[in-house]
N, C-alpha and C. Protein backbone atom coordinates (compact mmCIF):
# COMPACT_ATOMS: atom_id res chain seq x y z
N UNK A 1 64.90 21.81 -22.52
CA UNK A 1 65.18 21.80 -23.95
C UNK A 1 64.14 20.91 -24.63
N UNK A 2 63.69 21.38 -25.77
CA UNK A 2 62.75 20.60 -26.55
C UNK A 2 62.96 20.90 -28.02
N UNK A 3 62.51 19.98 -28.85
CA UNK A 3 62.60 20.17 -30.29
C UNK A 3 61.49 21.12 -30.73
N UNK A 4 61.83 22.15 -31.49
CA UNK A 4 60.85 23.13 -31.94
C UNK A 4 60.46 22.84 -33.38
N UNK A 5 59.18 23.00 -33.67
CA UNK A 5 58.71 22.81 -35.04
C UNK A 5 59.18 23.95 -35.94
N UNK A 6 59.32 25.14 -35.35
CA UNK A 6 59.74 26.33 -36.09
C UNK A 6 60.82 27.03 -35.29
N UNK A 7 61.90 27.39 -35.96
CA UNK A 7 62.96 28.16 -35.32
C UNK A 7 63.90 27.33 -34.47
N UNK A 8 64.90 28.02 -33.93
CA UNK A 8 65.91 27.37 -33.10
C UNK A 8 65.73 27.69 -31.62
N UNK A 9 65.20 28.88 -31.32
CA UNK A 9 65.00 29.31 -29.93
C UNK A 9 63.65 30.01 -29.81
N UNK A 10 63.00 29.83 -28.67
CA UNK A 10 61.81 30.60 -28.34
C UNK A 10 62.10 31.29 -27.02
N UNK A 11 61.86 32.59 -26.98
CA UNK A 11 62.10 33.37 -25.77
C UNK A 11 60.76 33.70 -25.14
N UNK A 12 60.55 33.20 -23.95
CA UNK A 12 59.38 33.50 -23.13
C UNK A 12 58.07 33.36 -23.88
N UNK A 13 58.00 32.41 -24.81
CA UNK A 13 56.77 32.18 -25.55
C UNK A 13 56.34 33.32 -26.44
N UNK A 14 57.21 34.32 -26.65
CA UNK A 14 56.81 35.48 -27.43
C UNK A 14 57.61 35.71 -28.69
N UNK A 15 58.86 35.27 -28.73
CA UNK A 15 59.73 35.51 -29.87
C UNK A 15 60.35 34.18 -30.30
N UNK A 16 60.32 33.90 -31.59
CA UNK A 16 60.98 32.72 -32.13
C UNK A 16 62.15 33.19 -32.98
N UNK A 17 63.31 32.57 -32.76
CA UNK A 17 64.53 32.97 -33.46
C UNK A 17 65.04 31.83 -34.32
N UNK A 18 65.27 32.14 -35.57
CA UNK A 18 65.94 31.22 -36.49
C UNK A 18 67.38 31.69 -36.58
N UNK A 19 68.32 30.92 -36.02
CA UNK A 19 69.73 31.29 -35.99
C UNK A 19 70.45 30.61 -37.14
N UNK A 20 71.21 31.40 -37.89
CA UNK A 20 71.98 30.84 -38.99
C UNK A 20 73.37 31.46 -39.01
N UNK A 21 74.36 30.63 -39.24
CA UNK A 21 75.69 31.16 -39.54
C UNK A 21 75.65 31.59 -41.01
N UNK A 22 76.65 32.33 -41.44
CA UNK A 22 76.68 32.75 -42.84
C UNK A 22 76.73 31.55 -43.78
N UNK A 23 77.52 30.52 -43.42
CA UNK A 23 77.61 29.32 -44.26
C UNK A 23 76.26 28.60 -44.31
N UNK A 24 75.58 28.49 -43.17
CA UNK A 24 74.28 27.83 -43.13
C UNK A 24 73.25 28.63 -43.92
N UNK A 25 73.32 29.96 -43.86
CA UNK A 25 72.41 30.80 -44.63
C UNK A 25 72.58 30.51 -46.12
N UNK A 26 73.83 30.48 -46.58
CA UNK A 26 74.10 30.21 -48.00
C UNK A 26 73.65 28.80 -48.38
N UNK A 27 73.94 27.82 -47.53
CA UNK A 27 73.53 26.44 -47.81
C UNK A 27 72.00 26.33 -47.83
N UNK A 28 71.32 27.01 -46.91
CA UNK A 28 69.86 27.00 -46.88
C UNK A 28 69.27 27.59 -48.16
N UNK A 29 69.93 28.61 -48.69
CA UNK A 29 69.47 29.22 -49.92
C UNK A 29 69.64 28.25 -51.09
N UNK A 30 70.80 27.61 -51.15
CA UNK A 30 71.11 26.69 -52.25
C UNK A 30 70.20 25.46 -52.23
N UNK A 31 69.99 24.87 -51.04
CA UNK A 31 69.22 23.62 -50.99
C UNK A 31 67.71 23.85 -50.86
N UNK A 32 67.27 25.11 -50.87
CA UNK A 32 65.84 25.40 -50.90
C UNK A 32 65.15 25.42 -49.55
N UNK A 33 65.89 25.41 -48.44
CA UNK A 33 65.28 25.42 -47.11
C UNK A 33 64.93 26.82 -46.64
N UNK A 34 65.62 27.84 -47.12
CA UNK A 34 65.53 29.17 -46.55
C UNK A 34 64.11 29.75 -46.60
N UNK A 35 63.47 29.74 -47.75
CA UNK A 35 62.17 30.39 -47.85
C UNK A 35 61.03 29.56 -47.24
N UNK A 36 61.06 28.22 -47.31
CA UNK A 36 60.07 27.47 -46.52
C UNK A 36 60.21 27.73 -45.01
N UNK A 37 61.46 27.90 -44.54
CA UNK A 37 61.65 28.25 -43.13
C UNK A 37 61.08 29.63 -42.84
N UNK A 38 61.28 30.57 -43.77
CA UNK A 38 60.73 31.92 -43.60
C UNK A 38 59.20 31.87 -43.56
N UNK A 39 58.60 31.04 -44.41
CA UNK A 39 57.14 30.90 -44.42
C UNK A 39 56.65 30.32 -43.10
N UNK A 40 57.35 29.33 -42.58
CA UNK A 40 56.97 28.73 -41.29
C UNK A 40 57.10 29.75 -40.17
N UNK A 41 58.15 30.57 -40.21
CA UNK A 41 58.30 31.63 -39.22
C UNK A 41 57.15 32.62 -39.30
N UNK A 42 56.75 32.98 -40.51
CA UNK A 42 55.67 33.94 -40.69
C UNK A 42 54.34 33.40 -40.18
N UNK A 43 54.14 32.09 -40.28
CA UNK A 43 52.89 31.48 -39.79
C UNK A 43 52.90 31.23 -38.29
N UNK A 44 54.06 31.33 -37.68
CA UNK A 44 54.19 31.07 -36.25
C UNK A 44 53.40 32.09 -35.44
N UNK A 45 52.84 31.68 -34.31
CA UNK A 45 52.14 32.65 -33.46
C UNK A 45 53.09 33.58 -32.72
N UNK A 46 54.39 33.31 -32.82
CA UNK A 46 55.40 34.12 -32.14
C UNK A 46 55.93 35.20 -33.07
N UNK A 47 56.59 36.20 -32.50
CA UNK A 47 57.26 37.22 -33.31
C UNK A 47 58.56 36.60 -33.84
N UNK A 48 58.74 36.56 -35.17
CA UNK A 48 59.93 35.90 -35.73
C UNK A 48 61.11 36.85 -35.88
N UNK A 49 62.31 36.29 -35.69
CA UNK A 49 63.56 37.00 -35.91
C UNK A 49 64.54 36.02 -36.56
N UNK A 50 65.29 36.50 -37.56
CA UNK A 50 66.39 35.73 -38.12
C UNK A 50 67.67 36.32 -37.56
N UNK A 51 68.46 35.48 -36.90
CA UNK A 51 69.73 35.90 -36.30
C UNK A 51 70.84 35.34 -37.18
N UNK A 52 71.53 36.22 -37.88
CA UNK A 52 72.61 35.82 -38.78
C UNK A 52 73.93 36.03 -38.06
N UNK A 53 74.61 34.93 -37.83
CA UNK A 53 75.81 34.95 -36.99
C UNK A 53 77.08 34.83 -37.84
N UNK A 54 78.02 35.70 -37.59
CA UNK A 54 79.29 35.71 -38.31
C UNK A 54 80.42 35.36 -37.41
N UNK A 55 81.61 35.55 -37.81
CA UNK A 55 82.02 36.15 -39.09
C UNK A 55 81.87 35.16 -40.24
N UNK A 56 81.92 35.69 -41.45
CA UNK A 56 81.84 34.83 -42.63
C UNK A 56 83.04 33.89 -42.62
N UNK A 57 82.81 32.58 -42.79
CA UNK A 57 83.92 31.62 -42.76
C UNK A 57 84.77 31.70 -44.02
N UNK A 58 85.95 31.13 -43.92
CA UNK A 58 86.85 31.10 -45.08
C UNK A 58 86.26 30.23 -46.18
N UNK A 59 85.61 29.12 -45.83
CA UNK A 59 84.99 28.22 -46.80
C UNK A 59 83.48 28.46 -46.82
N UNK A 60 83.01 29.09 -47.88
CA UNK A 60 81.57 29.34 -48.05
C UNK A 60 81.08 28.51 -49.23
N UNK A 61 79.81 28.10 -49.20
CA UNK A 61 79.26 27.45 -50.39
C UNK A 61 79.37 28.40 -51.58
N UNK A 62 79.43 27.85 -52.76
CA UNK A 62 79.62 28.64 -53.96
C UNK A 62 78.32 29.36 -54.33
N UNK A 63 78.09 30.50 -53.69
CA UNK A 63 76.90 31.31 -53.93
C UNK A 63 77.37 32.75 -54.17
N UNK A 64 76.85 33.36 -55.20
CA UNK A 64 77.24 34.73 -55.52
C UNK A 64 76.79 35.67 -54.40
N UNK A 65 77.60 36.66 -54.10
CA UNK A 65 77.32 37.64 -53.05
C UNK A 65 75.98 38.33 -53.27
N UNK A 66 75.66 38.64 -54.52
CA UNK A 66 74.38 39.30 -54.81
C UNK A 66 73.19 38.40 -54.48
N UNK A 67 73.35 37.08 -54.66
CA UNK A 67 72.27 36.15 -54.32
C UNK A 67 72.04 36.15 -52.81
N UNK A 68 73.12 36.20 -52.03
CA UNK A 68 72.99 36.25 -50.57
C UNK A 68 72.33 37.55 -50.12
N UNK A 69 72.77 38.66 -50.69
CA UNK A 69 72.16 39.95 -50.33
C UNK A 69 70.70 39.99 -50.75
N UNK A 70 70.40 39.46 -51.92
CA UNK A 70 69.02 39.41 -52.39
C UNK A 70 68.14 38.56 -51.48
N UNK A 71 68.70 37.45 -51.01
CA UNK A 71 67.94 36.58 -50.09
C UNK A 71 67.67 37.30 -48.77
N UNK A 72 68.68 38.03 -48.25
CA UNK A 72 68.48 38.79 -47.01
C UNK A 72 67.41 39.86 -47.20
N UNK A 73 67.46 40.56 -48.34
CA UNK A 73 66.45 41.59 -48.62
C UNK A 73 65.07 40.97 -48.76
N UNK A 74 64.99 39.85 -49.44
CA UNK A 74 63.71 39.17 -49.61
C UNK A 74 63.13 38.76 -48.26
N UNK A 75 63.98 38.24 -47.39
CA UNK A 75 63.51 37.88 -46.05
C UNK A 75 62.94 39.10 -45.34
N UNK A 76 63.71 40.17 -45.32
CA UNK A 76 63.31 41.36 -44.56
C UNK A 76 62.09 42.05 -45.15
N UNK A 77 61.99 42.10 -46.49
CA UNK A 77 60.93 42.87 -47.13
C UNK A 77 59.69 42.01 -47.38
N UNK A 78 59.86 40.82 -47.89
CA UNK A 78 58.71 40.00 -48.27
C UNK A 78 58.15 39.20 -47.09
N UNK A 79 59.01 38.64 -46.27
CA UNK A 79 58.56 37.80 -45.15
C UNK A 79 58.51 38.58 -43.85
N UNK A 80 59.24 39.67 -43.78
CA UNK A 80 59.22 40.65 -42.69
C UNK A 80 59.81 40.27 -41.34
N UNK A 81 60.52 39.18 -41.18
CA UNK A 81 61.18 39.06 -39.88
C UNK A 81 62.42 39.95 -39.89
N UNK A 82 62.71 40.59 -38.80
CA UNK A 82 63.96 41.35 -38.74
C UNK A 82 65.14 40.39 -38.92
N UNK A 83 66.13 40.82 -39.67
CA UNK A 83 67.37 40.06 -39.82
C UNK A 83 68.42 40.78 -38.98
N UNK A 84 68.84 40.14 -37.90
CA UNK A 84 69.78 40.74 -36.96
C UNK A 84 71.13 40.07 -37.14
N UNK A 85 72.18 40.88 -37.18
CA UNK A 85 73.53 40.35 -37.38
C UNK A 85 74.26 40.29 -36.03
N UNK A 86 74.92 39.17 -35.79
CA UNK A 86 75.76 39.00 -34.60
C UNK A 86 77.18 38.70 -35.06
N UNK A 87 78.16 39.23 -34.35
CA UNK A 87 79.56 39.03 -34.74
C UNK A 87 80.02 37.59 -34.56
N UNK A 88 79.57 36.96 -33.47
CA UNK A 88 80.05 35.63 -33.11
C UNK A 88 79.05 35.01 -32.14
N UNK A 89 79.25 33.76 -31.71
CA UNK A 89 78.30 33.12 -30.79
C UNK A 89 78.10 33.91 -29.48
N UNK A 90 79.15 34.53 -28.97
CA UNK A 90 79.01 35.32 -27.74
C UNK A 90 78.10 36.52 -27.97
N UNK A 91 78.23 37.16 -29.13
CA UNK A 91 77.37 38.28 -29.47
C UNK A 91 75.92 37.81 -29.62
N UNK A 92 75.73 36.63 -30.20
CA UNK A 92 74.38 36.05 -30.31
C UNK A 92 73.77 35.87 -28.93
N UNK A 93 74.55 35.35 -28.00
CA UNK A 93 74.06 35.15 -26.64
C UNK A 93 73.66 36.48 -26.00
N UNK A 94 74.48 37.51 -26.21
CA UNK A 94 74.13 38.84 -25.68
C UNK A 94 72.81 39.34 -26.27
N UNK A 95 72.62 39.12 -27.55
CA UNK A 95 71.39 39.55 -28.22
C UNK A 95 70.19 38.79 -27.65
N UNK A 96 70.33 37.47 -27.48
CA UNK A 96 69.23 36.67 -26.93
C UNK A 96 68.88 37.11 -25.50
N UNK A 97 69.89 37.39 -24.70
CA UNK A 97 69.64 37.86 -23.33
C UNK A 97 68.94 39.21 -23.34
N UNK A 98 69.37 40.11 -24.21
CA UNK A 98 68.75 41.42 -24.30
C UNK A 98 67.30 41.30 -24.74
N UNK A 99 67.02 40.45 -25.72
CA UNK A 99 65.65 40.23 -26.17
C UNK A 99 64.78 39.70 -25.03
N UNK A 100 65.32 38.74 -24.27
CA UNK A 100 64.57 38.17 -23.16
C UNK A 100 64.28 39.24 -22.11
N UNK A 101 65.25 40.07 -21.81
CA UNK A 101 65.07 41.13 -20.82
C UNK A 101 64.02 42.12 -21.30
N UNK A 102 64.10 42.53 -22.57
CA UNK A 102 63.13 43.48 -23.10
C UNK A 102 61.73 42.89 -23.12
N UNK A 103 61.63 41.62 -23.43
CA UNK A 103 60.32 40.97 -23.48
C UNK A 103 59.67 40.95 -22.11
N UNK A 104 60.43 40.66 -21.08
CA UNK A 104 59.85 40.62 -19.75
C UNK A 104 59.59 42.01 -19.20
N UNK A 105 60.45 42.97 -19.52
CA UNK A 105 60.29 44.32 -18.98
C UNK A 105 59.19 45.12 -19.66
N UNK A 106 59.03 44.94 -20.97
CA UNK A 106 58.06 45.75 -21.70
C UNK A 106 56.79 45.00 -22.04
N UNK A 107 56.74 43.69 -21.76
CA UNK A 107 55.57 42.87 -22.03
C UNK A 107 55.13 43.03 -23.49
N UNK A 108 56.02 42.68 -24.41
CA UNK A 108 55.74 42.81 -25.84
C UNK A 108 54.56 41.98 -26.30
N UNK A 109 54.18 40.97 -25.54
CA UNK A 109 53.08 40.12 -25.93
C UNK A 109 51.72 40.78 -25.80
N UNK A 110 51.63 41.93 -25.12
CA UNK A 110 50.35 42.58 -24.91
C UNK A 110 49.95 43.33 -26.18
N UNK A 111 48.79 43.01 -26.67
CA UNK A 111 48.23 43.72 -27.81
C UNK A 111 47.07 44.56 -27.31
N UNK A 112 47.13 45.85 -27.52
CA UNK A 112 46.06 46.73 -27.10
C UNK A 112 44.84 46.52 -28.00
N UNK A 113 43.65 46.59 -27.43
CA UNK A 113 42.42 46.36 -28.18
C UNK A 113 41.82 47.68 -28.66
N UNK A 114 42.59 48.74 -28.71
CA UNK A 114 42.11 50.02 -29.20
C UNK A 114 43.13 50.57 -30.17
N UNK A 115 42.79 51.67 -30.80
CA UNK A 115 43.66 52.33 -31.77
C UNK A 115 43.79 51.46 -33.01
N UNK A 116 44.96 51.40 -33.59
CA UNK A 116 45.16 50.68 -34.85
C UNK A 116 45.20 49.18 -34.63
N UNK A 117 44.65 48.45 -35.59
CA UNK A 117 44.65 46.99 -35.53
C UNK A 117 45.99 46.48 -36.07
N UNK A 118 46.44 45.33 -35.57
CA UNK A 118 47.71 44.78 -36.08
C UNK A 118 47.59 44.41 -37.56
N UNK A 119 48.70 44.52 -38.27
CA UNK A 119 48.71 44.23 -39.70
C UNK A 119 49.18 42.82 -40.01
N UNK A 120 50.12 42.31 -39.23
CA UNK A 120 50.66 40.97 -39.49
C UNK A 120 49.63 39.92 -39.13
N UNK A 121 49.55 38.87 -39.94
CA UNK A 121 48.57 37.82 -39.73
C UNK A 121 48.70 37.17 -38.36
N UNK A 122 49.91 36.87 -37.94
CA UNK A 122 50.09 36.23 -36.63
C UNK A 122 49.62 37.15 -35.50
N UNK A 123 49.87 38.43 -35.61
CA UNK A 123 49.42 39.39 -34.59
C UNK A 123 47.91 39.55 -34.62
N UNK A 124 47.31 39.52 -35.81
CA UNK A 124 45.84 39.63 -35.91
C UNK A 124 45.17 38.42 -35.27
N UNK A 125 45.76 37.25 -35.42
CA UNK A 125 45.19 36.05 -34.79
C UNK A 125 45.20 36.19 -33.27
N UNK A 126 46.33 36.61 -32.73
CA UNK A 126 46.42 36.81 -31.28
C UNK A 126 45.46 37.90 -30.82
N UNK A 127 45.35 38.96 -31.59
CA UNK A 127 44.46 40.07 -31.28
C UNK A 127 43.01 39.58 -31.19
N UNK A 128 42.64 38.75 -32.14
CA UNK A 128 41.28 38.23 -32.17
C UNK A 128 41.00 37.35 -30.95
N UNK A 129 41.92 36.46 -30.62
CA UNK A 129 41.72 35.57 -29.49
C UNK A 129 41.70 36.32 -28.17
N UNK A 130 42.43 37.44 -28.08
CA UNK A 130 42.43 38.22 -26.85
C UNK A 130 41.09 38.91 -26.62
N UNK A 131 40.22 38.90 -27.61
CA UNK A 131 38.88 39.44 -27.44
C UNK A 131 37.95 38.48 -26.72
N UNK A 132 38.37 37.24 -26.55
CA UNK A 132 37.55 36.26 -25.82
C UNK A 132 37.62 36.54 -24.33
N UNK A 133 36.57 36.21 -23.58
CA UNK A 133 36.56 36.51 -22.14
C UNK A 133 37.66 35.76 -21.38
N UNK A 134 38.41 36.52 -20.61
CA UNK A 134 39.45 35.94 -19.76
C UNK A 134 40.70 35.52 -20.51
N UNK A 135 40.85 35.94 -21.77
CA UNK A 135 42.00 35.53 -22.59
C UNK A 135 42.92 36.73 -22.77
N UNK A 136 44.10 36.63 -22.19
CA UNK A 136 45.13 37.64 -22.36
C UNK A 136 46.16 37.17 -23.37
N UNK A 137 47.29 37.88 -23.48
CA UNK A 137 48.31 37.54 -24.48
C UNK A 137 48.87 36.13 -24.33
N UNK A 138 49.20 35.73 -23.11
CA UNK A 138 49.82 34.41 -22.92
C UNK A 138 48.83 33.30 -23.23
N UNK A 139 47.61 33.43 -22.77
CA UNK A 139 46.60 32.39 -23.01
C UNK A 139 46.22 32.35 -24.49
N UNK A 140 46.15 33.50 -25.15
CA UNK A 140 45.87 33.53 -26.59
C UNK A 140 46.94 32.75 -27.34
N UNK A 141 48.20 32.94 -26.94
CA UNK A 141 49.30 32.23 -27.57
C UNK A 141 49.18 30.73 -27.32
N UNK A 142 48.88 30.32 -26.08
CA UNK A 142 48.74 28.89 -25.78
C UNK A 142 47.58 28.28 -26.56
N UNK A 143 46.47 29.00 -26.68
CA UNK A 143 45.33 28.49 -27.46
C UNK A 143 45.72 28.28 -28.92
N UNK A 144 46.41 29.27 -29.49
CA UNK A 144 46.81 29.17 -30.89
C UNK A 144 47.79 28.03 -31.11
N UNK A 145 48.73 27.86 -30.20
CA UNK A 145 49.69 26.77 -30.32
C UNK A 145 48.99 25.43 -30.17
N UNK A 146 48.07 25.31 -29.20
CA UNK A 146 47.38 24.05 -28.92
C UNK A 146 46.47 23.64 -30.08
N UNK A 147 45.67 24.59 -30.60
CA UNK A 147 44.67 24.25 -31.61
C UNK A 147 45.16 24.47 -33.04
N UNK A 148 46.15 25.32 -33.24
CA UNK A 148 46.72 25.52 -34.57
C UNK A 148 46.06 26.59 -35.41
N UNK A 149 44.84 27.01 -35.07
CA UNK A 149 44.18 28.06 -35.83
C UNK A 149 43.10 28.71 -34.97
N UNK A 150 42.71 29.91 -35.35
CA UNK A 150 41.64 30.61 -34.65
C UNK A 150 40.33 29.84 -34.83
N UNK A 151 40.11 29.33 -36.03
CA UNK A 151 38.88 28.58 -36.30
C UNK A 151 38.73 27.39 -35.37
N UNK A 152 39.81 26.66 -35.15
CA UNK A 152 39.74 25.49 -34.26
C UNK A 152 39.50 25.90 -32.82
N UNK A 153 40.03 27.06 -32.41
CA UNK A 153 39.77 27.56 -31.06
C UNK A 153 38.29 27.88 -30.92
N UNK A 154 37.75 28.58 -31.90
CA UNK A 154 36.36 29.02 -31.85
C UNK A 154 35.40 27.83 -31.87
N UNK A 155 35.74 26.78 -32.61
CA UNK A 155 34.84 25.63 -32.72
C UNK A 155 35.12 24.56 -31.67
N UNK A 156 36.11 24.75 -30.83
CA UNK A 156 36.44 23.75 -29.81
C UNK A 156 35.32 23.64 -28.79
N UNK A 157 35.12 22.42 -28.28
CA UNK A 157 34.11 22.22 -27.24
C UNK A 157 34.70 22.52 -25.87
N UNK A 158 33.86 22.44 -24.83
CA UNK A 158 34.30 22.73 -23.47
C UNK A 158 35.51 21.89 -23.07
N UNK A 159 35.43 20.60 -23.36
CA UNK A 159 36.51 19.68 -22.98
C UNK A 159 37.82 20.01 -23.66
N UNK A 160 37.75 20.35 -24.95
CA UNK A 160 38.96 20.71 -25.69
C UNK A 160 39.59 21.98 -25.15
N UNK A 161 38.75 22.98 -24.86
CA UNK A 161 39.27 24.23 -24.31
C UNK A 161 39.91 24.01 -22.95
N UNK A 162 39.29 23.16 -22.13
CA UNK A 162 39.79 22.93 -20.77
C UNK A 162 41.12 22.19 -20.75
N UNK A 163 41.54 21.63 -21.87
CA UNK A 163 42.84 20.95 -21.94
C UNK A 163 43.99 21.95 -21.98
N UNK A 164 43.69 23.20 -22.27
CA UNK A 164 44.73 24.24 -22.36
C UNK A 164 44.97 24.80 -20.97
N UNK A 165 46.25 24.86 -20.58
CA UNK A 165 46.62 25.40 -19.28
C UNK A 165 46.09 26.82 -19.14
N UNK A 166 45.37 27.07 -18.04
CA UNK A 166 44.82 28.39 -17.78
C UNK A 166 43.33 28.49 -18.08
N UNK A 167 42.75 27.41 -18.60
CA UNK A 167 41.31 27.41 -18.87
C UNK A 167 40.66 26.31 -18.04
N UNK A 168 39.80 26.74 -17.16
CA UNK A 168 39.01 25.81 -16.36
C UNK A 168 37.61 25.71 -16.93
N UNK A 169 36.74 24.96 -16.25
CA UNK A 169 35.37 24.77 -16.76
C UNK A 169 34.59 26.08 -16.90
N UNK A 170 34.76 27.01 -15.95
CA UNK A 170 34.00 28.27 -16.02
C UNK A 170 34.46 29.14 -17.18
N UNK A 171 35.78 29.24 -17.35
CA UNK A 171 36.29 30.06 -18.46
C UNK A 171 35.93 29.42 -19.79
N UNK A 172 36.00 28.09 -19.89
CA UNK A 172 35.62 27.40 -21.11
C UNK A 172 34.14 27.68 -21.44
N UNK A 173 33.29 27.68 -20.41
CA UNK A 173 31.88 27.97 -20.63
C UNK A 173 31.67 29.42 -21.10
N UNK A 174 32.40 30.37 -20.50
CA UNK A 174 32.28 31.78 -20.92
C UNK A 174 32.72 31.94 -22.38
N UNK A 175 33.79 31.26 -22.75
CA UNK A 175 34.27 31.35 -24.14
C UNK A 175 33.22 30.75 -25.08
N UNK A 176 32.70 29.58 -24.75
CA UNK A 176 31.70 28.93 -25.59
C UNK A 176 30.44 29.78 -25.72
N UNK A 177 30.05 30.47 -24.63
CA UNK A 177 28.87 31.34 -24.69
C UNK A 177 29.06 32.50 -25.65
N UNK A 178 30.28 33.02 -25.72
CA UNK A 178 30.57 34.14 -26.61
C UNK A 178 30.56 33.70 -28.07
N UNK A 179 31.12 32.54 -28.37
CA UNK A 179 31.28 32.12 -29.77
C UNK A 179 30.12 31.32 -30.31
N UNK A 180 29.18 30.91 -29.45
CA UNK A 180 28.06 30.11 -29.98
C UNK A 180 26.83 30.95 -30.23
């Protein structure tokens, strides 16, 4: 267990989940946390998901139903993380397990370097880093998490690159040769 800068759960380094109960969703909307959290999810190198867990409690913050629906629509349309509904904590656990199983079975982290280019900024960053020699999906993700941006990865020196798990002196040299 570790404290995450973004989201509540990370599954296999590929998916970040922001879990909210209905009451927490309403409170996040009222106190202004909801959309900054959505922005942080969108900037994350992981695929973001908002998990909305019910049932709706008897005591909800005083927020109009249309405001809650509008916030859900805004999340899904403007920020684009899927908003998944779970009936209760047990249903949330089933969803998390299913996501983990699908991620390992289908290798969702693999971005093909042919056909259509990814549209989402986080996917384009990973796509770009996977073009470096010896860099696959997992290493691209570790590089992005370690350095914080594609620019910092590209401008990193041999020693900085070698600090990332999976990069030794030879791979660091091959990367530097490509970007210099």
